[in-house]
Amino acid sequence: MPDLSKARLFKGRGDSDERTLVKVRTHGKAVFVPILLALLTAAAASALIAVLPPGWKPIGTWVVIGVAVAMVLWFSVRPFIDWFTTSYTITTRRIITKHGILNRYGHELPLSRIDSVGSERGIVDRMFGCGTLVFSTASERPVVLHDVPQVTEIEGLLADLIYRAHRDDD
């Protein structure tokens, strides 16, 4: 179970008894492949520059560097920024997701609207201790949160909170 001793009062709209229970960023495994791609791109660019024919230098060198920088920006920096700006917050009343830098996107899902919660964990997810949370609501499409750290503990916490939310509605 996540440590609830650090739960703090939620300073947003809503009731004053709403507390933040869990606030997490997506798991760090989401940036493992982008970091690996950046290192491989740098190594490949260095090797390519080293074997360029003398007649192709300096323009060929700048082209290789330009392509390598573009690849690192697109395949490594962009996913890192996505990871850094994505957060999941669970309060005693709702689940809040946020992501984005220039355009900040958010979604709030009241616990009373959730019918069930489940998790999906592949072999890599189990090794890293994370997984995907899947919420069933009245809508046709389930709400999916990817790369949630401590997914089994958070799933248990949410199941309890959802049960309480439905019990209070009756």
N, C-alpha and C. Protein backbone atom coordinates (compact mmCIF):
# COMPACT_ATOMS: atom_id res chain seq x y z
N MET A 1 0.83 -1.18 0.00
CA MET A 1 0.00 0.00 0.00
C MET A 1 0.88 1.25 0.00
N PRO A 2 0.53 2.26 -0.78
CA PRO A 2 1.30 3.50 -0.73
C PRO A 2 1.21 4.13 0.65
N ASP A 3 2.24 4.85 1.01
CA ASP A 3 2.30 5.50 2.31
C ASP A 3 1.33 6.67 2.32
N LEU A 4 0.27 6.56 3.11
CA LEU A 4 -0.75 7.60 3.17
C LEU A 4 -0.48 8.61 4.27
N SER A 5 0.62 8.44 5.01
CA SER A 5 0.92 9.38 6.08
C SER A 5 1.29 10.75 5.52
N LYS A 6 1.71 10.78 4.25
CA LYS A 6 2.06 12.05 3.63
C LYS A 6 0.91 12.65 2.83
N ALA A 7 -0.28 12.07 2.96
CA ALA A 7 -1.44 12.60 2.25
C ALA A 7 -1.68 14.03 2.71
N ARG A 8 -1.96 14.87 1.75
CA ARG A 8 -2.16 16.28 2.09
C ARG A 8 -3.52 16.75 1.61
N LEU A 9 -3.98 17.80 2.20
CA LEU A 9 -5.25 18.37 1.81
C LEU A 9 -5.14 18.87 0.38
N PHE A 10 -6.12 18.56 -0.43
CA PHE A 10 -6.09 18.98 -1.83
C PHE A 10 -6.49 20.44 -1.90
N LYS A 11 -5.61 21.27 -2.47
CA LYS A 11 -5.88 22.70 -2.53
C LYS A 11 -6.47 23.06 -3.88
N GLY A 12 -7.59 22.55 -4.14
CA GLY A 12 -8.26 22.85 -5.41
C GLY A 12 -9.71 23.09 -5.12
N ARG A 13 -10.49 23.00 -6.19
CA ARG A 13 -11.92 23.18 -5.96
C ARG A 13 -12.48 21.92 -5.33
N GLY A 14 -13.64 22.00 -4.84
CA GLY A 14 -14.24 20.83 -4.22
C GLY A 14 -14.29 20.97 -2.72
N ASP A 15 -14.64 19.88 -2.08
CA ASP A 15 -14.80 19.88 -0.63
C ASP A 15 -13.45 20.00 0.07
N SER A 16 -13.51 20.55 1.28
CA SER A 16 -12.27 20.73 2.03
C SER A 16 -11.75 19.42 2.60
N ASP A 17 -12.57 18.35 2.57
CA ASP A 17 -12.11 17.07 3.10
C ASP A 17 -11.47 16.20 2.03
N GLU A 18 -11.29 16.71 0.83
CA GLU A 18 -10.63 15.95 -0.22
C GLU A 18 -9.12 15.98 0.02
N ARG A 19 -8.50 14.81 0.11
CA ARG A 19 -7.07 14.72 0.36
C ARG A 19 -6.37 14.06 -0.82
N THR A 20 -5.17 14.52 -1.10
CA THR A 20 -4.33 13.88 -2.10
C THR A 20 -3.70 12.66 -1.46
N LEU A 21 -3.93 11.49 -2.04
CA LEU A 21 -3.39 10.25 -1.50
C LEU A 21 -2.12 9.82 -2.22
N VAL A 22 -2.14 9.94 -3.54
CA VAL A 22 -1.00 9.51 -4.35
C VAL A 22 -0.80 10.52 -5.48
N LYS A 23 0.44 10.93 -5.67
CA LYS A 23 0.78 11.77 -6.83
C LYS A 23 2.05 11.18 -7.40
N VAL A 24 1.96 10.65 -8.62
CA VAL A 24 3.09 9.99 -9.24
C VAL A 24 3.26 10.46 -10.68
N ARG A 25 4.47 10.29 -11.15
CA ARG A 25 4.81 10.50 -12.55
C ARG A 25 4.84 9.10 -13.16
N THR A 26 4.68 9.00 -14.46
CA THR A 26 4.78 7.69 -15.08
C THR A 26 6.14 7.10 -14.76
N HIS A 27 6.24 5.77 -14.78
CA HIS A 27 7.45 5.08 -14.37
C HIS A 27 8.62 5.46 -15.26
N GLY A 28 9.82 5.47 -14.70
CA GLY A 28 11.03 5.84 -15.42
C GLY A 28 11.38 4.91 -16.57
N LYS A 29 10.79 3.71 -16.59
CA LYS A 29 11.07 2.79 -17.70
C LYS A 29 10.63 3.38 -19.03
N ALA A 30 9.74 4.34 -18.98
CA ALA A 30 9.25 4.98 -20.21
C ALA A 30 10.36 5.74 -20.93
N VAL A 31 11.43 6.11 -20.23
CA VAL A 31 12.53 6.85 -20.87
C VAL A 31 13.77 5.99 -21.08
N PHE A 32 13.70 4.71 -20.73
CA PHE A 32 14.85 3.84 -20.91
C PHE A 32 15.22 3.69 -22.40
N VAL A 33 14.26 3.35 -23.24
CA VAL A 33 14.52 3.17 -24.68
C VAL A 33 14.94 4.49 -25.33
N PRO A 34 14.28 5.63 -25.05
CA PRO A 34 14.74 6.88 -25.63
C PRO A 34 16.19 7.24 -25.27
N ILE A 35 16.60 6.96 -24.03
CA ILE A 35 17.98 7.23 -23.64
C ILE A 35 18.93 6.31 -24.40
N LEU A 36 18.55 5.05 -24.52
CA LEU A 36 19.35 4.09 -25.28
C LEU A 36 19.46 4.52 -26.75
N LEU A 37 18.37 5.00 -27.33
CA LEU A 37 18.40 5.47 -28.72
C LEU A 37 19.31 6.69 -28.88
N ALA A 38 19.33 7.58 -27.90
CA ALA A 38 20.21 8.75 -27.98
C ALA A 38 21.67 8.31 -27.98
N LEU A 39 22.00 7.35 -27.12
CA LEU A 39 23.38 6.86 -27.07
C LEU A 39 23.77 6.15 -28.37
N LEU A 40 22.88 5.33 -28.89
CA LEU A 40 23.16 4.64 -30.15
C LEU A 40 23.27 5.61 -31.33
N THR A 41 22.45 6.63 -31.34
CA THR A 41 22.52 7.64 -32.40
C THR A 41 23.84 8.39 -32.35
N ALA A 42 24.27 8.76 -31.15
CA ALA A 42 25.55 9.46 -31.00
C ALA A 42 26.71 8.56 -31.45
N ALA A 43 26.66 7.28 -31.09
CA ALA A 43 27.72 6.36 -31.50
C ALA A 43 27.73 6.16 -33.01
N ALA A 44 26.54 5.99 -33.60
CA ALA A 44 26.46 5.80 -35.05
C ALA A 44 26.93 7.05 -35.80
N ALA A 45 26.55 8.23 -35.30
CA ALA A 45 26.97 9.48 -35.95
C ALA A 45 28.49 9.64 -35.86
N SER A 46 29.06 9.31 -34.71
CA SER A 46 30.52 9.41 -34.56
C SER A 46 31.24 8.46 -35.50
N ALA A 47 30.74 7.22 -35.61
CA ALA A 47 31.36 6.25 -36.51
C ALA A 47 31.23 6.68 -37.96
N LEU A 48 30.08 7.22 -38.31
CA LEU A 48 29.86 7.67 -39.69
C LEU A 48 30.77 8.85 -40.03
N ILE A 49 30.94 9.76 -39.12
CA ILE A 49 31.84 10.91 -39.34
C ILE A 49 33.28 10.42 -39.50
N ALA A 50 33.65 9.41 -38.72
CA ALA A 50 35.02 8.89 -38.78
C ALA A 50 35.33 8.24 -40.13
N VAL A 51 34.33 7.65 -40.78
CA VAL A 51 34.59 6.95 -42.06
C VAL A 51 34.21 7.78 -43.29
N LEU A 52 33.81 9.03 -43.08
CA LEU A 52 33.48 9.88 -44.23
C LEU A 52 34.72 10.09 -45.10
N PRO A 53 34.56 10.01 -46.39
CA PRO A 53 35.70 10.31 -47.26
C PRO A 53 36.13 11.78 -47.08
N PRO A 54 37.44 12.06 -47.22
CA PRO A 54 37.93 13.43 -47.01
C PRO A 54 37.23 14.46 -47.91
N GLY A 55 36.82 14.07 -49.08
CA GLY A 55 36.15 15.01 -49.99
C GLY A 55 34.77 15.43 -49.50
N TRP A 56 34.17 14.65 -48.63
CA TRP A 56 32.83 14.95 -48.13
C TRP A 56 32.84 15.82 -46.88
N LYS A 57 34.00 15.94 -46.26
CA LYS A 57 34.10 16.76 -45.05
C LYS A 57 34.18 18.20 -45.47
N PRO A 58 33.84 19.13 -44.83
CA PRO A 58 33.09 19.45 -43.63
C PRO A 58 31.58 19.40 -43.81
N ILE A 59 31.10 19.48 -45.07
CA ILE A 59 29.64 19.50 -45.28
C ILE A 59 29.02 18.18 -44.83
N GLY A 60 29.62 17.06 -45.17
CA GLY A 60 29.10 15.75 -44.76
C GLY A 60 29.04 15.61 -43.25
N THR A 61 30.04 16.16 -42.58
CA THR A 61 30.06 16.12 -41.12
C THR A 61 28.86 16.87 -40.54
N TRP A 62 28.59 18.05 -41.09
CA TRP A 62 27.47 18.85 -40.59
C TRP A 62 26.13 18.19 -40.91
N VAL A 63 26.03 17.53 -42.03
CA VAL A 63 24.79 16.83 -42.37
C VAL A 63 24.55 15.69 -41.39
N VAL A 64 25.60 14.91 -41.12
CA VAL A 64 25.47 13.80 -40.16
C VAL A 64 25.10 14.33 -38.79
N ILE A 65 25.74 15.39 -38.35
CA ILE A 65 25.43 15.98 -37.04
C ILE A 65 23.99 16.49 -37.01
N GLY A 66 23.55 17.14 -38.08
CA GLY A 66 22.18 17.66 -38.16
C GLY A 66 21.14 16.54 -38.08
N VAL A 67 21.38 15.47 -38.84
CA VAL A 67 20.45 14.34 -38.80
C VAL A 67 20.44 13.69 -37.41
N ALA A 68 21.62 13.54 -36.81
CA ALA A 68 21.71 12.93 -35.48
C ALA A 68 20.99 13.79 -34.44
N VAL A 69 21.18 15.09 -34.51
CA VAL A 69 20.50 15.99 -33.55
C VAL A 69 18.99 15.90 -33.73
N ALA A 70 18.53 15.91 -34.99
CA ALA A 70 17.09 15.81 -35.25
C ALA A 70 16.53 14.49 -34.70
N MET A 71 17.27 13.40 -34.90
CA MET A 71 16.81 12.11 -34.40
C MET A 71 16.77 12.08 -32.87
N VAL A 72 17.78 12.63 -32.23
CA VAL A 72 17.80 12.66 -30.77
C VAL A 72 16.66 13.53 -30.24
N LEU A 73 16.42 14.67 -30.87
CA LEU A 73 15.32 15.53 -30.43
C LEU A 73 13.98 14.81 -30.55
N TRP A 74 13.75 14.14 -31.69
CA TRP A 74 12.46 13.51 -31.94
C TRP A 74 12.27 12.21 -31.14
N PHE A 75 13.29 11.37 -31.13
CA PHE A 75 13.14 10.04 -30.52
C PHE A 75 13.60 9.95 -29.07
N SER A 76 14.27 10.98 -28.55
CA SER A 76 14.74 10.92 -27.16
C SER A 76 14.26 12.09 -26.32
N VAL A 77 14.43 13.31 -26.78
CA VAL A 77 14.05 14.47 -25.98
C VAL A 77 12.53 14.58 -25.86
N ARG A 78 11.83 14.38 -26.98
CA ARG A 78 10.36 14.47 -26.96
C ARG A 78 9.74 13.44 -26.00
N PRO A 79 10.13 12.16 -26.06
CA PRO A 79 9.57 11.21 -25.08
C PRO A 79 9.95 11.54 -23.63
N PHE A 80 11.15 12.09 -23.42
CA PHE A 80 11.55 12.48 -22.08
C PHE A 80 10.65 13.61 -21.56
N ILE A 81 10.36 14.58 -22.41
CA ILE A 81 9.49 15.68 -22.01
C ILE A 81 8.08 15.16 -21.74
N ASP A 82 7.60 14.23 -22.58
CA ASP A 82 6.29 13.62 -22.33
C ASP A 82 6.27 12.95 -20.96
N TRP A 83 7.32 12.19 -20.65
CA TRP A 83 7.41 11.51 -19.36
C TRP A 83 7.45 12.52 -18.22
N PHE A 84 8.26 13.55 -18.36
CA PHE A 84 8.46 14.52 -17.29
C PHE A 84 7.20 15.32 -16.99
N THR A 85 6.37 15.54 -17.99
CA THR A 85 5.20 16.39 -17.80
C THR A 85 3.91 15.61 -17.56
N THR A 86 3.98 14.29 -17.48
CA THR A 86 2.79 13.49 -17.23
C THR A 86 2.73 13.10 -15.76
N SER A 87 1.59 13.36 -15.13
CA SER A 87 1.43 12.99 -13.73
C SER A 87 0.02 12.46 -13.50
N TYR A 88 -0.07 11.58 -12.51
CA TYR A 88 -1.34 11.01 -12.09
C TYR A 88 -1.52 11.34 -10.61
N THR A 89 -2.66 11.91 -10.26
CA THR A 89 -2.95 12.25 -8.87
C THR A 89 -4.24 11.54 -8.47
N ILE A 90 -4.19 10.88 -7.33
CA ILE A 90 -5.37 10.21 -6.80
C ILE A 90 -5.73 10.89 -5.49
N THR A 91 -6.94 11.38 -5.43
CA THR A 91 -7.44 12.00 -4.21
C THR A 91 -8.51 11.08 -3.62
N THR A 92 -9.08 11.50 -2.53
CA THR A 92 -10.14 10.71 -1.91
C THR A 92 -11.44 10.78 -2.71
N ARG A 93 -11.50 11.63 -3.74
CA ARG A 93 -12.72 11.78 -4.53
C ARG A 93 -12.57 11.56 -6.03
N ARG A 94 -11.33 11.68 -6.56
CA ARG A 94 -11.18 11.61 -8.02
C ARG A 94 -9.77 11.24 -8.43
N ILE A 95 -9.63 10.95 -9.72
CA ILE A 95 -8.34 10.69 -10.33
C ILE A 95 -8.08 11.82 -11.32
N ILE A 96 -6.91 12.42 -11.22
CA ILE A 96 -6.57 13.57 -12.06
C ILE A 96 -5.33 13.20 -12.87
N THR A 97 -5.41 13.35 -14.19
CA THR A 97 -4.25 13.14 -15.04
C THR A 97 -3.90 14.46 -15.71
N LYS A 98 -2.60 14.72 -15.83
CA LYS A 98 -2.13 15.95 -16.48
C LYS A 98 -0.92 15.63 -17.33
N HIS A 99 -0.83 16.30 -18.48
CA HIS A 99 0.36 16.18 -19.33
C HIS A 99 0.44 17.39 -20.26
N GLY A 100 1.63 17.61 -20.79
CA GLY A 100 1.86 18.70 -21.73
C GLY A 100 2.66 19.83 -21.14
N ILE A 101 3.33 20.59 -22.03
CA ILE A 101 4.13 21.74 -21.58
C ILE A 101 3.45 23.02 -22.03
N LEU A 102 3.47 23.28 -23.32
CA LEU A 102 2.86 24.51 -23.83
C LEU A 102 1.35 24.45 -23.70
N ASN A 103 0.77 23.36 -24.16
CA ASN A 103 -0.65 23.11 -23.96
C ASN A 103 -0.76 22.07 -22.86
N ARG A 104 -1.33 22.46 -21.74
CA ARG A 104 -1.46 21.56 -20.60
C ARG A 104 -2.82 20.90 -20.68
N TYR A 105 -2.84 19.58 -20.72
CA TYR A 105 -4.08 18.82 -20.81
C TYR A 105 -4.33 18.13 -19.48
N GLY A 106 -5.57 18.08 -19.08
CA GLY A 106 -5.91 17.41 -17.84
C GLY A 106 -7.24 16.69 -17.97
N HIS A 107 -7.41 15.69 -17.14
CA HIS A 107 -8.65 14.93 -17.13
C HIS A 107 -8.95 14.57 -15.69
N GLU A 108 -10.18 14.78 -15.27
CA GLU A 108 -10.60 14.43 -13.93
C GLU A 108 -11.69 13.39 -14.01
N LEU A 109 -11.53 12.32 -13.26
CA LEU A 109 -12.50 11.24 -13.25
C LEU A 109 -12.96 11.02 -11.81
N PRO A 110 -14.21 11.37 -11.50
CA PRO A 110 -14.70 11.14 -10.13
C PRO A 110 -14.73 9.64 -9.83
N LEU A 111 -14.33 9.27 -8.63
CA LEU A 111 -14.32 7.86 -8.25
C LEU A 111 -15.71 7.24 -8.31
N SER A 112 -16.74 8.05 -8.07
CA SER A 112 -18.10 7.53 -8.09
C SER A 112 -18.55 7.12 -9.50
N ARG A 113 -17.85 7.57 -10.53
CA ARG A 113 -18.19 7.22 -11.92
C ARG A 113 -17.50 5.94 -12.40
N ILE A 114 -16.56 5.44 -11.61
CA ILE A 114 -15.80 4.26 -12.01
C ILE A 114 -16.53 3.01 -11.53
N ASP A 115 -16.74 2.07 -12.46
CA ASP A 115 -17.40 0.82 -12.12
C ASP A 115 -16.41 -0.21 -11.58
N SER A 116 -15.23 -0.29 -12.21
CA SER A 116 -14.23 -1.26 -11.76
C SER A 116 -12.84 -0.78 -12.16
N VAL A 117 -11.83 -1.34 -11.49
CA VAL A 117 -10.45 -1.01 -11.78
C VAL A 117 -9.68 -2.32 -11.94
N GLY A 118 -8.79 -2.35 -12.91
CA GLY A 118 -7.96 -3.53 -13.13
C GLY A 118 -6.57 -3.08 -13.56
N SER A 119 -5.66 -4.03 -13.65
CA SER A 119 -4.30 -3.69 -14.06
C SER A 119 -3.81 -4.73 -15.06
N GLU A 120 -2.88 -4.29 -15.89
CA GLU A 120 -2.22 -5.15 -16.85
C GLU A 120 -0.73 -5.01 -16.62
N ARG A 121 -0.02 -6.15 -16.50
CA ARG A 121 1.42 -6.11 -16.24
C ARG A 121 2.10 -7.17 -17.09
N GLY A 122 2.87 -6.74 -18.04
CA GLY A 122 3.67 -7.66 -18.83
C GLY A 122 4.93 -8.04 -18.07
N ILE A 123 5.77 -8.85 -18.70
CA ILE A 123 6.99 -9.31 -18.04
C ILE A 123 7.92 -8.14 -17.70
N VAL A 124 8.06 -7.19 -18.62
CA VAL A 124 8.92 -6.04 -18.37
C VAL A 124 8.33 -5.17 -17.27
N ASP A 125 7.01 -4.99 -17.29
CA ASP A 125 6.36 -4.22 -16.24
C ASP A 125 6.58 -4.85 -14.87
N ARG A 126 6.47 -6.17 -14.80
CA ARG A 126 6.68 -6.84 -13.51
C ARG A 126 8.11 -6.68 -13.03
N MET A 127 9.07 -6.70 -13.95
CA MET A 127 10.47 -6.51 -13.56
C MET A 127 10.70 -5.11 -12.98
N PHE A 128 10.02 -4.12 -13.54
CA PHE A 128 10.21 -2.74 -13.09
C PHE A 128 9.22 -2.32 -12.00
N GLY A 129 8.25 -3.15 -11.69
CA GLY A 129 7.28 -2.83 -10.64
C GLY A 129 6.26 -1.80 -11.05
N CYS A 130 5.87 -1.84 -12.31
CA CYS A 130 4.88 -0.88 -12.79
C CYS A 130 3.84 -1.64 -13.62
N GLY A 131 2.93 -0.91 -14.23
CA GLY A 131 1.91 -1.54 -15.06
C GLY A 131 0.92 -0.51 -15.58
N THR A 132 -0.15 -1.02 -16.14
CA THR A 132 -1.20 -0.19 -16.72
C THR A 132 -2.47 -0.35 -15.90
N LEU A 133 -3.06 0.76 -15.50
CA LEU A 133 -4.35 0.74 -14.81
C LEU A 133 -5.46 0.93 -15.83
N VAL A 134 -6.51 0.14 -15.70
CA VAL A 134 -7.65 0.22 -16.63
C VAL A 134 -8.90 0.43 -15.79
N PHE A 135 -9.63 1.51 -16.07
CA PHE A 135 -10.86 1.83 -15.36
C PHE A 135 -12.04 1.63 -16.28
N SER A 136 -13.03 0.91 -15.80
CA SER A 136 -14.28 0.75 -16.55
C SER A 136 -15.27 1.77 -16.02
N THR A 137 -15.86 2.51 -16.93
CA THR A 137 -16.87 3.49 -16.58
C THR A 137 -18.12 3.20 -17.40
N ALA A 138 -19.10 4.06 -17.29
CA ALA A 138 -20.33 3.87 -18.06
C ALA A 138 -20.11 4.09 -19.56
N SER A 139 -19.04 4.76 -19.92
CA SER A 139 -18.77 4.99 -21.33
C SER A 139 -18.27 3.70 -21.98
N GLU A 140 -18.25 3.67 -23.29
CA GLU A 140 -17.85 2.47 -24.01
C GLU A 140 -16.36 2.20 -23.89
N ARG A 141 -15.55 3.26 -23.90
CA ARG A 141 -14.10 3.09 -23.84
C ARG A 141 -13.60 3.15 -22.41
N PRO A 142 -12.75 2.21 -22.01
CA PRO A 142 -12.18 2.30 -20.66
C PRO A 142 -11.11 3.40 -20.61
N VAL A 143 -10.86 3.91 -19.42
CA VAL A 143 -9.81 4.89 -19.19
C VAL A 143 -8.54 4.11 -18.85
N VAL A 144 -7.44 4.42 -19.56
CA VAL A 144 -6.20 3.65 -19.41
C VAL A 144 -5.08 4.60 -18.99
N LEU A 145 -4.37 4.23 -17.92
CA LEU A 145 -3.19 4.97 -17.46
C LEU A 145 -1.99 4.05 -17.60
N HIS A 146 -1.04 4.44 -18.44
CA HIS A 146 0.12 3.61 -18.74
C HIS A 146 1.28 3.88 -17.78
N ASP A 147 2.11 2.87 -17.57
CA ASP A 147 3.36 2.97 -16.81
C ASP A 147 3.18 3.58 -15.42
N VAL A 148 2.21 3.07 -14.69
CA VAL A 148 1.96 3.54 -13.33
C VAL A 148 2.88 2.79 -12.36
N PRO A 149 3.73 3.52 -11.60
CA PRO A 149 4.57 2.83 -10.63
C PRO A 149 3.73 2.24 -9.50
N GLN A 150 4.21 1.16 -8.90
CA GLN A 150 3.53 0.49 -7.79
C GLN A 150 2.06 0.21 -8.14
N VAL A 151 1.84 -0.33 -9.32
CA VAL A 151 0.49 -0.46 -9.85
C VAL A 151 -0.40 -1.37 -9.00
N THR A 152 0.14 -2.43 -8.43
CA THR A 152 -0.72 -3.32 -7.63
C THR A 152 -1.19 -2.65 -6.35
N GLU A 153 -0.31 -1.88 -5.71
CA GLU A 153 -0.70 -1.16 -4.50
C GLU A 153 -1.73 -0.08 -4.81
N ILE A 154 -1.51 0.63 -5.90
CA ILE A 154 -2.45 1.70 -6.29
C ILE A 154 -3.78 1.11 -6.71
N GLU A 155 -3.75 -0.04 -7.40
CA GLU A 155 -5.00 -0.70 -7.78
C GLU A 155 -5.80 -1.09 -6.54
N GLY A 156 -5.13 -1.63 -5.52
CA GLY A 156 -5.82 -1.99 -4.28
C GLY A 156 -6.41 -0.78 -3.58
N LEU A 157 -5.64 0.31 -3.54
CA LEU A 157 -6.12 1.54 -2.94
C LEU A 157 -7.35 2.06 -3.68
N LEU A 158 -7.28 2.06 -5.02
CA LEU A 158 -8.40 2.56 -5.81
C LEU A 158 -9.64 1.67 -5.67
N ALA A 159 -9.45 0.37 -5.61
CA ALA A 159 -10.60 -0.53 -5.43
C ALA A 159 -11.31 -0.20 -4.13
N ASP A 160 -10.55 0.05 -3.07
CA ASP A 160 -11.14 0.41 -1.78
C ASP A 160 -11.85 1.76 -1.87
N LEU A 161 -11.21 2.75 -2.49
CA LEU A 161 -11.82 4.08 -2.62
C LEU A 161 -13.09 4.03 -3.47
N ILE A 162 -13.06 3.24 -4.54
CA ILE A 162 -14.24 3.13 -5.41
C ILE A 162 -15.38 2.46 -4.66
N TYR A 163 -15.05 1.42 -3.89
CA TYR A 163 -16.08 0.75 -3.09
C TYR A 163 -16.73 1.75 -2.12
N ARG A 164 -15.88 2.54 -1.45
CA ARG A 164 -16.41 3.55 -0.52
C ARG A 164 -17.26 4.59 -1.24
N ALA A 165 -16.81 5.02 -2.42
CA ALA A 165 -17.55 6.04 -3.18
C ALA A 165 -18.93 5.52 -3.58
N HIS A 166 -19.00 4.26 -3.99
CA HIS A 166 -20.29 3.68 -4.38
C HIS A 166 -21.18 3.43 -3.16
N ARG A 167 -20.56 3.06 -2.05
CA ARG A 167 -21.32 2.82 -0.82
C ARG A 167 -21.91 4.13 -0.32
N ASP A 168 -21.15 5.24 -0.42
CA ASP A 168 -21.65 6.54 0.03
C ASP A 168 -22.76 7.08 -0.85
N ASP A 169 -22.77 6.67 -2.16
CA ASP A 169 -23.82 7.13 -3.07
C ASP A 169 -25.16 6.49 -2.78
N ASP A 170 -25.13 5.29 -2.18
CA ASP A 170 -26.39 4.57 -1.93
C ASP A 170 -27.17 5.13 -0.78
